[in-house]
C-alpha atoms as a PDB file:
ATOM      1  CA  UNK A   1     -83.143 105.678  83.622  1.00  0.00           C
ATOM      2  CA  UNK A   2     -79.869 106.150  85.272  1.00  0.00           C
ATOM      3  CA  UNK A   3     -77.225 108.169  83.114  1.00  0.00           C
ATOM      4  CA  UNK A   4     -75.040 104.928  82.353  1.00  0.00           C
ATOM      5  CA  UNK A   5     -78.104 102.910  81.013  1.00  0.00           C
ATOM      6  CA  UNK A   6     -79.000 105.413  79.091  1.00  0.00           C
ATOM      7  CA  UNK A   7     -75.320 105.746  77.403  1.00  0.00           C
ATOM      8  CA  UNK A   8     -75.405 102.003  77.211  1.00  0.00           C
ATOM      9  CA  UNK A   9     -78.622 102.057  75.321  1.00  0.00           C
ATOM     10  CA  UNK A  10     -77.695 104.977  72.580  1.00  0.00           C
ATOM     11  CA  UNK A  11     -74.671 102.952  72.301  1.00  0.00           C
ATOM     12  CA  UNK A  12     -76.704  99.864  71.551  1.00  0.00           C
ATOM     13  CA  UNK A  13     -78.772 102.225  68.937  1.00  0.00           C
ATOM     14  CA  UNK A  14     -75.957 103.548  67.335  1.00  0.00           C
ATOM     15  CA  UNK A  15     -74.119  99.791  66.528  1.00  0.00           C
ATOM     16  CA  UNK A  16     -77.652  98.636  65.593  1.00  0.00           C
ATOM     17  CA  UNK A  17     -77.809 101.735  62.818  1.00  0.00           C
ATOM     18  CA  UNK A  18     -74.222 101.262  62.119  1.00  0.00           C
ATOM     19  CA  UNK A  19     -74.554  97.451  61.098  1.00  0.00           C
ATOM     20  CA  UNK A  20     -77.883  97.885  59.517  1.00  0.00           C
ATOM     21  CA  UNK A  21     -76.264 100.621  57.194  1.00  0.00           C
ATOM     22  CA  UNK A  22     -73.362  98.097  57.087  1.00  0.00           C
ATOM     23  CA  UNK A  23     -75.505  95.306  55.244  1.00  0.00           C
ATOM     24  CA  UNK A  24     -77.924  97.182  54.073  1.00  0.00           C
ATOM     25  CA  UNK A  25     -75.906  99.836  51.306  1.00  0.00           C
ATOM     26  CA  UNK A  26     -75.098  97.382  49.259  1.00  0.00           C
ATOM     27  CA  UNK A  27     -78.314  95.883  48.368  1.00  0.00           C
ATOM     28  CA  UNK A  28     -79.339  99.302  48.099  1.00  0.00           C
ATOM     29  CA  UNK A  29     -76.692 100.035  45.782  1.00  0.00           C
ATOM     30  CA  UNK A  30     -77.417  97.217  43.623  1.00  0.00           C
ATOM     31  CA  UNK A  31     -81.593  98.006  43.119  1.00  0.00           C
ATOM     32  CA  UNK A  32     -80.024 102.284  42.379  1.00  0.00           C
ATOM     33  CA  UNK A  33     -78.201 101.162  39.852  1.00  0.00           C
ATOM     34  CA  UNK A  34     -80.254  99.387  38.146  1.00  0.00           C
ATOM     35  CA  UNK A  35     -82.492 101.824  37.358  1.00  0.00           C
ATOM     36  CA  UNK A  36     -79.859 104.478  35.991  1.00  0.00           C
ATOM     37  CA  UNK A  37     -78.675 104.407  32.324  1.00  0.00           C
ATOM     38  CA  UNK A  38     -75.406 104.206  31.019  1.00  0.00           C
ATOM     39  CA  UNK A  39     -74.637 107.472  31.071  1.00  0.00           C
ATOM     40  CA  UNK A  40     -75.516 108.635  34.461  1.00  0.00           C
ATOM     41  CA  UNK A  41     -73.883 105.782  35.629  1.00  0.00           C
ATOM     42  CA  UNK A  42     -70.717 106.806  34.581  1.00  0.00           C
ATOM     43  CA  UNK A  43     -71.147 110.053  35.350  1.00  0.00           C
ATOM     44  CA  UNK A  44     -72.108 109.057  39.116  1.00  0.00           C
ATOM     45  CA  UNK A  45     -71.490 105.501  39.822  1.00  0.00           C
ATOM     46  CA  UNK A  46     -71.209 105.312  43.822  1.00  0.00           C
ATOM     47  CA  UNK A  47     -74.778 107.238  44.443  1.00  0.00           C
ATOM     48  CA  UNK A  48     -77.380 105.171  45.281  1.00  0.00           C
ATOM     49  CA  UNK A  49     -80.667 106.835  44.151  1.00  0.00           C
ATOM     50  CA  UNK A  50     -80.654 107.672  40.588  1.00  0.00           C
ATOM     51  CA  UNK A  51     -81.804 110.932  39.063  1.00  0.00           C
ATOM     52  CA  UNK A  52     -83.636 109.531  36.121  1.00  0.00           C
ATOM     53  CA  UNK A  53     -85.381 105.790  36.932  1.00  0.00           C
ATOM     54  CA  UNK A  54     -85.300 103.610  33.756  1.00  0.00           C
ATOM     55  CA  UNK A  55     -86.279 100.349  33.578  1.00  0.00           C
ATOM     56  CA  UNK A  56     -84.772  99.237  30.130  1.00  0.00           C
ATOM     57  CA  UNK A  57     -82.540  97.108  31.651  1.00  0.00           C
ATOM     58  CA  UNK A  58     -84.796  95.148  33.305  1.00  0.00           C
ATOM     59  CA  UNK A  59     -85.946  94.478  29.509  1.00  0.00           C
ATOM     60  CA  UNK A  60     -83.193  93.868  27.641  1.00  0.00           C
ATOM     61  CA  UNK A  61     -81.849  91.366  29.998  1.00  0.00           C
ATOM     62  CA  UNK A  62     -84.648  88.715  29.586  1.00  0.00           C
ATOM     63  CA  UNK A  63     -83.718  89.391  26.015  1.00  0.00           C
ATOM     64  CA  UNK A  64     -80.243  88.016  26.859  1.00  0.00           C
ATOM     65  CA  UNK A  65     -82.043  84.955  28.067  1.00  0.00           C
ATOM     66  CA  UNK A  66     -82.673  85.528  31.583  1.00  0.00           C
ATOM     67  CA  UNK A  67     -85.643  83.702  31.688  1.00  0.00           C
ATOM     68  CA  UNK A  68     -84.188  80.517  30.591  1.00  0.00           C
ATOM     69  CA  UNK A  69     -81.273  80.864  33.510  1.00  0.00           C
ATOM     70  CA  UNK A  70     -84.167  81.440  35.843  1.00  0.00           C
ATOM     71  CA  UNK A  71     -86.555  78.963  35.452  1.00  0.00           C
ATOM     72  CA  UNK A  72     -83.199  75.943  34.984  1.00  0.00           C
ATOM     73  CA  UNK A  73     -82.503  77.299  38.664  1.00  0.00           C
ATOM     74  CA  UNK A  74     -85.924  77.253  39.674  1.00  0.00           C
ATOM     75  CA  UNK A  75     -85.875  73.842  38.601  1.00  0.00           C
ATOM     76  CA  UNK A  76     -82.615  72.095  40.185  1.00  0.00           C
ATOM     77  CA  UNK A  77     -82.763  74.027  43.230  1.00  0.00           C
ATOM     78  CA  UNK A  78     -86.304  73.075  44.110  1.00  0.00           C
ATOM     79  CA  UNK A  79     -85.671  69.374  42.810  1.00  0.00           C
ATOM     80  CA  UNK A  80     -82.727  69.451  45.143  1.00  0.00           C
ATOM     81  CA  UNK A  81     -84.128  71.435  48.160  1.00  0.00           C
ATOM     82  CA  UNK A  82     -87.408  68.835  47.901  1.00  0.00           C
ATOM     83  CA  UNK A  83     -85.227  65.568  47.816  1.00  0.00           C
ATOM     84  CA  UNK A  84     -82.641  66.711  50.142  1.00  0.00           C
ATOM     85  CA  UNK A  85     -85.241  67.223  53.277  1.00  0.00           C
ATOM     86  CA  UNK A  86     -86.839  63.431  52.318  1.00  0.00           C
ATOM     87  CA  UNK A  87     -84.199  62.259  52.441  1.00  0.00           C
ATOM     88  CA  UNK A  88     -82.039  63.817  55.345  1.00  0.00           C
ATOM     89  CA  UNK A  89     -85.960  63.511  57.499  1.00  0.00           C
ATOM     90  CA  UNK A  90     -85.998  59.495  56.745  1.00  0.00           C
ATOM     91  CA  UNK A  91     -82.049  59.163  57.466  1.00  0.00           C
ATOM     92  CA  UNK A  92     -82.464  61.442  60.734  1.00  0.00           C
ATOM     93  CA  UNK A  93     -85.693  59.502  62.168  1.00  0.00           C
ATOM     94  CA  UNK A  94     -83.521  55.853  63.024  1.00  0.00           C
ATOM     95  CA  UNK A  95     -80.403  57.777  63.768  1.00  0.00           C
ATOM     96  CA  UNK A  96     -82.022  60.082  66.387  1.00  0.00           C
ATOM     97  CA  UNK A  97     -84.909  57.941  67.925  1.00  0.00           C
ATOM     98  CA  UNK A  98     -83.583  54.152  67.427  1.00  0.00           C
ATOM     99  CA  UNK A  99     -80.976  52.420  69.241  1.00  0.00           C
ATOM    100  CA  UNK A 100     -78.332  50.026  67.124  1.00  0.00           C
ATOM    101  CA  UNK A 101     -74.718  49.366  67.114  1.00  0.00           C
ATOM    102  CA  UNK A 102     -74.018  51.476  64.207  1.00  0.00           C
ATOM    103  CA  UNK A 103     -75.446  54.729  65.404  1.00  0.00           C
ATOM    104  CA  UNK A 104     -73.121  56.691  66.430  1.00  0.00           C
ATOM    105  CA  UNK A 105     -70.904  55.676  63.629  1.00  0.00           C
ATOM    106  CA  UNK A 106     -73.827  56.362  60.777  1.00  0.00           C
ATOM    107  CA  UNK A 107     -73.818  59.608  61.803  1.00  0.00           C
ATOM    108  CA  UNK A 108     -70.378  60.746  62.438  1.00  0.00           C
ATOM    109  CA  UNK A 109     -69.878  59.320  58.929  1.00  0.00           C
ATOM    110  CA  UNK A 110     -72.898  61.650  57.902  1.00  0.00           C
ATOM    111  CA  UNK A 111     -71.332  64.691  59.514  1.00  0.00           C
ATOM    112  CA  UNK A 112     -68.222  64.216  58.255  1.00  0.00           C
ATOM    113  CA  UNK A 113     -69.555  65.061  54.739  1.00  0.00           C
ATOM    114  CA  UNK A 114     -69.231  68.570  55.945  1.00  0.00           C
ATOM    115  CA  UNK A 115     -65.629  68.655  56.232  1.00  0.00           C
ATOM    116  CA  UNK A 116     -65.169  67.336  52.800  1.00  0.00           C
ATOM    117  CA  UNK A 117     -64.166  70.162  50.340  1.00  0.00           C
ATOM    118  CA  UNK A 118     -65.908  70.304  47.140  1.00  0.00           C
ATOM    119  CA  UNK A 119     -63.023  70.863  44.900  1.00  0.00           C
ATOM    120  CA  UNK A 120     -61.617  67.772  45.344  1.00  0.00           C
ATOM    121  CA  UNK A 121     -64.668  66.171  44.015  1.00  0.00           C
ATOM    122  CA  UNK A 122     -64.825  67.372  40.961  1.00  0.00           C
ATOM    123  CA  UNK A 123     -62.758  65.564  39.081  1.00  0.00           C
ATOM    124  CA  UNK A 124     -64.299  61.818  39.915  1.00  0.00           C
ATOM    125  CA  UNK A 125     -67.989  63.855  39.275  1.00  0.00           C
ATOM    126  CA  UNK A 126     -67.035  64.958  35.922  1.00  0.00           C
ATOM    127  CA  UNK A 127     -65.898  61.557  34.770  1.00  0.00           C
ATOM    128  CA  UNK A 128     -69.078  59.942  37.085  1.00  0.00           C
ATOM    129  CA  UNK A 129     -71.399  62.407  34.893  1.00  0.00           C
ATOM    130  CA  UNK A 130     -70.132  61.363  31.526  1.00  0.00           C
ATOM    131  CA  UNK A 131     -70.809  57.484  31.952  1.00  0.00           C
ATOM    132  CA  UNK A 132     -73.730  57.713  32.939  1.00  0.00           C
ATOM    133  CA  UNK A 133     -74.679  59.805  29.801  1.00  0.00           C
ATOM    134  CA  UNK A 134     -75.936  62.864  31.961  1.00  0.00           C
ATOM    135  CA  UNK A 135     -73.206  64.850  31.231  1.00  0.00           C
ATOM    136  CA  UNK A 136     -74.378  69.105  30.369  1.00  0.00           C
ATOM    137  CA  UNK A 137     -77.582  68.235  31.309  1.00  0.00           C
ATOM    138  CA  UNK A 138     -79.501  69.627  34.490  1.00  0.00           C
ATOM    139  CA  UNK A 139     -79.346  65.879  36.099  1.00  0.00           C
ATOM    140  CA  UNK A 140     -75.596  65.990  36.184  1.00  0.00           C
ATOM    141  CA  UNK A 141     -76.205  68.936  39.068  1.00  0.00           C
ATOM    142  CA  UNK A 142     -78.998  67.071  41.005  1.00  0.00           C
ATOM    143  CA  UNK A 143     -76.476  64.197  42.205  1.00  0.00           C
ATOM    144  CA  UNK A 144     -73.833  66.638  43.824  1.00  0.00           C
ATOM    145  CA  UNK A 145     -76.385  69.245  44.999  1.00  0.00           C
ATOM    146  CA  UNK A 146     -78.275  66.612  46.964  1.00  0.00           C
ATOM    147  CA  UNK A 147     -74.755  64.849  48.212  1.00  0.00           C
ATOM    148  CA  UNK A 148     -73.274  68.085  49.312  1.00  0.00           C
ATOM    149  CA  UNK A 149     -76.673  69.277  51.299  1.00  0.00           C
ATOM    150  CA  UNK A 150     -77.498  66.024  53.023  1.00  0.00           C
ATOM    151  CA  UNK A 151     -74.689  66.195  55.728  1.00  0.00           C
ATOM    152  CA  UNK A 152     -75.989  69.789  57.415  1.00  0.00           C
ATOM    153  CA  UNK A 153     -79.234  68.554  56.761  1.00  0.00           C
ATOM    154  CA  UNK A 154     -79.469  65.192  58.542  1.00  0.00           C
ATOM    155  CA  UNK A 155     -77.365  67.159  61.459  1.00  0.00           C
ATOM    156  CA  UNK A 156     -79.636  69.721  62.265  1.00  0.00           C
ATOM    157  CA  UNK A 157     -82.352  67.349  61.656  1.00  0.00           C
ATOM    158  CA  UNK A 158     -81.240  64.619  64.013  1.00  0.00           C
ATOM    159  CA  UNK A 159     -80.154  67.607  66.429  1.00  0.00           C
ATOM    160  CA  UNK A 160     -83.653  68.642  66.259  1.00  0.00           C
ATOM    161  CA  UNK A 161     -85.739  65.532  66.770  1.00  0.00           C
ATOM    162  CA  UNK A 162     -83.603  64.465  70.005  1.00  0.00           C
ATOM    163  CA  UNK A 163     -85.945  67.047  71.471  1.00  0.00           C
ATOM    164  CA  UNK A 164     -88.967  66.009  70.910  1.00  0.00           C
ATOM    165  CA  UNK A 165     -90.077  63.859  73.788  1.00  0.00           C
ATOM    166  CA  UNK A 166     -90.157  60.698  73.748  1.00  0.00           C
ATOM    167  CA  UNK A 167     -93.584  60.298  75.388  1.00  0.00           C
ATOM    168  CA  UNK A 168     -95.597  61.613  71.998  1.00  0.00           C
ATOM    169  CA  UNK A 169     -93.785  58.277  70.342  1.00  0.00           C
ATOM    170  CA  UNK A 170     -94.637  55.900  73.149  1.00  0.00           C
ATOM    171  CA  UNK A 171     -98.631  56.819  72.584  1.00  0.00           C
ATOM    172  CA  UNK A 172     -98.306  56.732  69.007  1.00  0.00           C
ATOM    173  CA  UNK A 173     -96.897  52.993  69.988  1.00  0.00           C
ATOM    174  CA  UNK A 174     -99.964  52.449  72.485  1.00  0.00           C
ATOM    175  CA  UNK A 175    -102.688  53.294  69.562  1.00  0.00           C
ATOM    176  CA  UNK A 176    -100.631  50.730  67.358  1.00  0.00           C
ATOM    177  CA  UNK A 177     -98.686  52.954  64.977  1.00  0.00           C
ATOM    178  CA  UNK A 178     -95.567  51.472  63.508  1.00  0.00           C
ATOM    179  CA  UNK A 179     -92.491  53.771  62.620  1.00  0.00           C
ATOM    180  CA  UNK A 180     -93.616  54.766  58.957  1.00  0.00           C
ATOM    181  CA  UNK A 181     -97.119  55.930  60.651  1.00  0.00           C
ATOM    182  CA  UNK A 182     -95.348  57.533  63.938  1.00  0.00           C
ATOM    183  CA  UNK A 183     -93.130  59.492  61.686  1.00  0.00           C
ATOM    184  CA  UNK A 184     -95.524  60.882  59.612  1.00  0.00           C
ATOM    185  CA  UNK A 185     -98.397  61.623  62.115  1.00  0.00           C
ATOM    186  CA  UNK A 186     -95.476  62.460  64.889  1.00  0.00           C
ATOM    187  CA  UNK A 187     -92.308  63.342  63.889  1.00  0.00           C
ATOM    188  CA  UNK A 188     -92.641  65.283  61.083  1.00  0.00           C
ATOM    189  CA  UNK A 189     -94.472  67.826  61.834  1.00  0.00           C
ATOM    190  CA  UNK A 190     -93.130  68.144  65.281  1.00  0.00           C
ATOM    191  CA  UNK A 191     -89.846  68.957  62.305  1.00  0.00           C
ATOM    192  CA  UNK A 192     -91.274  71.561  60.594  1.00  0.00           C
ATOM    193  CA  UNK A 193     -89.328  74.494  61.671  1.00  0.00           C
ATOM    194  CA  UNK A 194     -86.186  72.601  61.201  1.00  0.00           C
ATOM    195  CA  UNK A 195     -87.336  71.815  58.178  1.00  0.00           C
ATOM    196  CA  UNK A 196     -88.147  75.695  57.096  1.00  0.00           C
ATOM    197  CA  UNK A 197     -83.974  76.069  58.372  1.00  0.00           C
ATOM    198  CA  UNK A 198     -82.449  73.238  55.914  1.00  0.00           C
ATOM    199  CA  UNK A 199     -84.668  74.411  53.314  1.00  0.00           C
ATOM    200  CA  UNK A 200     -83.869  78.674  53.527  1.00  0.00           C
ATOM    201  CA  UNK A 201     -80.043  76.697  53.636  1.00  0.00           C
ATOM    202  CA  UNK A 202     -79.994  74.633  50.735  1.00  0.00           C
ATOM    203  CA  UNK A 203     -81.750  77.060  48.891  1.00  0.00           C
ATOM    204  CA  UNK A 204     -79.495  80.107  49.143  1.00  0.00           C
ATOM    205  CA  UNK A 205     -76.595  77.559  48.897  1.00  0.00           C
ATOM    206  CA  UNK A 206     -78.068  75.764  45.730  1.00  0.00           C
ATOM    207  CA  UNK A 207     -79.105  79.024  44.158  1.00  0.00           C
ATOM    208  CA  UNK A 208     -75.897  80.622  43.983  1.00  0.00           C
ATOM    209  CA  UNK A 209     -73.985  77.505  43.215  1.00  0.00           C
ATOM    210  CA  UNK A 210     -71.390  78.445  40.512  1.00  0.00           C
ATOM    211  CA  UNK A 211     -68.418  75.357  40.441  1.00  0.00           C
ATOM    212  CA  UNK A 212     -70.426  72.588  39.993  1.00  0.00           C
ATOM    213  CA  UNK A 213     -72.484  74.167  36.958  1.00  0.00           C
ATOM    214  CA  UNK A 214     -69.015  75.619  35.174  1.00  0.00           C
ATOM    215  CA  UNK A 215     -67.964  72.120  35.575  1.00  0.00           C
ATOM    216  CA  UNK A 216     -71.213  69.988  34.362  1.00  0.00           C
ATOM    217  CA  UNK A 217     -72.463  72.394  32.169  1.00  0.00           C
ATOM    218  CA  UNK A 218     -71.446  73.570  28.909  1.00  0.00           C
ATOM    219  CA  UNK A 219     -74.946  74.411  26.402  1.00  0.00           C
ATOM    220  CA  UNK A 220     -76.132  78.025  27.281  1.00  0.00           C
ATOM    221  CA  UNK A 221     -80.038  76.473  27.130  1.00  0.00           C
ATOM    222  CA  UNK A 222     -78.765  74.516  30.564  1.00  0.00           C
ATOM    223  CA  UNK A 223     -77.083  77.037  31.950  1.00  0.00           C
ATOM    224  CA  UNK A 224     -77.916  78.070  35.888  1.00  0.00           C
ATOM    225  CA  UNK A 225     -78.637  81.426  36.870  1.00  0.00           C
ATOM    226  CA  UNK A 226     -75.169  82.046  38.153  1.00  0.00           C
ATOM    227  CA  UNK A 227     -73.046  80.715  35.019  1.00  0.00           C
ATOM    228  CA  UNK A 228     -75.838  82.418  32.814  1.00  0.00           C
ATOM    229  CA  UNK A 229     -74.375  85.464  34.202  1.00  0.00           C
ATOM    230  CA  UNK A 230     -71.603  85.169  33.230  1.00  0.00           C
ATOM    231  CA  UNK A 231     -72.917  86.085  29.742  1.00  0.00           C
ATOM    232  CA  UNK A 232     -73.844  89.626  30.968  1.00  0.00           C
ATOM    233  CA  UNK A 233     -70.101  90.296  30.535  1.00  0.00           C
ATOM    234  CA  UNK A 234     -68.644  91.794  27.739  1.00  0.00           C
ATOM    235  CA  UNK A 235     -65.129  91.620  26.044  1.00  0.00           C
ATOM    236  CA  UNK A 236     -64.417  95.038  26.709  1.00  0.00           C
ATOM    237  CA  UNK A 237     -67.093  96.624  28.724  1.00  0.00           C
ATOM    238  CA  UNK A 238     -69.459  95.665  31.271  1.00  0.00           C
ATOM    239  CA  UNK A 239     -73.148  96.641  31.078  1.00  0.00           C
ATOM    240  CA  UNK A 240     -73.521  97.428  35.348  1.00  0.00           C
ATOM    241  CA  UNK A 241     -76.446  98.441  35.379  1.00  0.00           C
ATOM    242  CA  UNK A 242     -78.067  95.460  33.071  1.00  0.00           C
ATOM    243  CA  UNK A 243     -75.827  93.356  35.780  1.00  0.00           C
ATOM    244  CA  UNK A 244     -77.199  94.546  39.021  1.00  0.00           C
ATOM    245  CA  UNK A 245     -80.600  94.517  37.398  1.00  0.00           C
ATOM    246  CA  UNK A 246     -80.021  90.836  36.661  1.00  0.00           C
ATOM    247  CA  UNK A 247     -78.521  90.089  39.901  1.00  0.00           C
ATOM    248  CA  UNK A 248     -81.987  92.107  41.757  1.00  0.00           C
ATOM    249  CA  UNK A 249     -83.992  89.778  39.650  1.00  0.00           C
ATOM    250  CA  UNK A 250     -82.145  86.695  40.902  1.00  0.00           C
ATOM    251  CA  UNK A 251     -82.241  87.847  44.283  1.00  0.00           C
ATOM    252  CA  UNK A 252     -86.338  87.926  44.264  1.00  0.00           C
ATOM    253  CA  UNK A 253     -86.503  84.664  44.850  1.00  0.00           C
ATOM    254  CA  UNK A 254     -84.672  84.006  48.050  1.00  0.00           C
ATOM    255  CA  UNK A 255     -86.140  87.275  49.709  1.00  0.00           C
ATOM    256  CA  UNK A 256     -89.377  85.682  48.962  1.00  0.00           C
ATOM    257  CA  UNK A 257     -88.754  82.328  50.713  1.00  0.00           C
ATOM    258  CA  UNK A 258     -86.763  84.010  53.862  1.00  0.00           C
ATOM    259  CA  UNK A 259     -89.784  86.327  54.398  1.00  0.00           C
ATOM    260  CA  UNK A 260     -91.830  83.479  54.156  1.00  0.00           C
ATOM    261  CA  UNK A 261     -90.177  81.713  56.443  1.00  0.00           C
ATOM    262  CA  UNK A 262     -88.590  84.097  58.626  1.00  0.00           C
ATOM    263  CA  UNK A 263     -91.125  82.839  61.740  1.00  0.00           C
ATOM    264  CA  UNK A 264     -90.785  79.131  60.870  1.00  0.00           C
ATOM    265  CA  UNK A 265     -86.634  79.824  60.398  1.00  0.00           C
ATOM    266  CA  UNK A 266     -86.008  81.897  63.678  1.00  0.00           C
ATOM    267  CA  UNK A 267     -88.443  78.674  65.523  1.00  0.00           C
ATOM    268  CA  UNK A 268     -85.961  76.250  64.255  1.00  0.00           C
ATOM    269  CA  UNK A 269     -82.917  78.046  65.363  1.00  0.00           C
ATOM    270  CA  UNK A 270     -84.308  78.373  68.743  1.00  0.00           C
ATOM    271  CA  UNK A 271     -85.732  74.953  69.195  1.00  0.00           C
ATOM    272  CA  UNK A 272     -82.372  73.489  69.327  1.00  0.00           C
ATOM    273  CA  UNK A 273     -82.022  73.132  65.097  1.00  0.00           C
ATOM    274  CA  UNK A 274     -78.565  74.355  64.960  1.00  0.00           C
ATOM    275  CA  UNK A 275     -77.482  72.468  68.512  1.00  0.00           C
ATOM    276  CA  UNK A 276     -73.593  71.126  68.539  1.00  0.00           C
END
């Protein structure tokens, strides 16, 4: 290996290791602190590895209602993601595979939703949910969550569907398949990598969503996880190890989902799913 190539490779390794430490340190700090006692945290707050491991904080966060917040977040996030995937895939099919006069304007209208600021919609949505009688229920979050997940989902799926060869659709038409069968039997199986991408993207966004939950939910029994974590802040003191234990448990579903769908997400990204 030439000296110049060797130096370039060493620099790349140094850069990669530096980025790994930079991104991995907060996660390791969160896990390590969750196993510390309060006294050890005050003595040595910046160390990652505790001298004496304790799991008392993991039990205490469940006593403070974490399981209820966790269940509420899982219900509303899963429901919103499933509905988003169904609506986005059905809307993307005619936008990407059919030619009609309003094809392009409708696509631009959906994409324009990505530029709509969430804060500009808070008051109208607050009034609307009260008028519908669903205020302070998980159902109040479902509409905004699906509505704000649709633009990016339709954009990704439309771009991905355009890459599917026309020959597959034409062969199905020759066999007598209608548009509904073509969508389910031909198009949908070929967009699974793109669907994995939008599932991961929307799940992470909705799992950590805070502002809509803060405006539309007031009862502790209906609070989602990001909103419920506020209860771990005391008036005069914060139980940092307990808060870190709650955050560690809250991050597990996202990590598990990403690990399981990582391969499909990479295929979706490299298959043209995010092409502009």
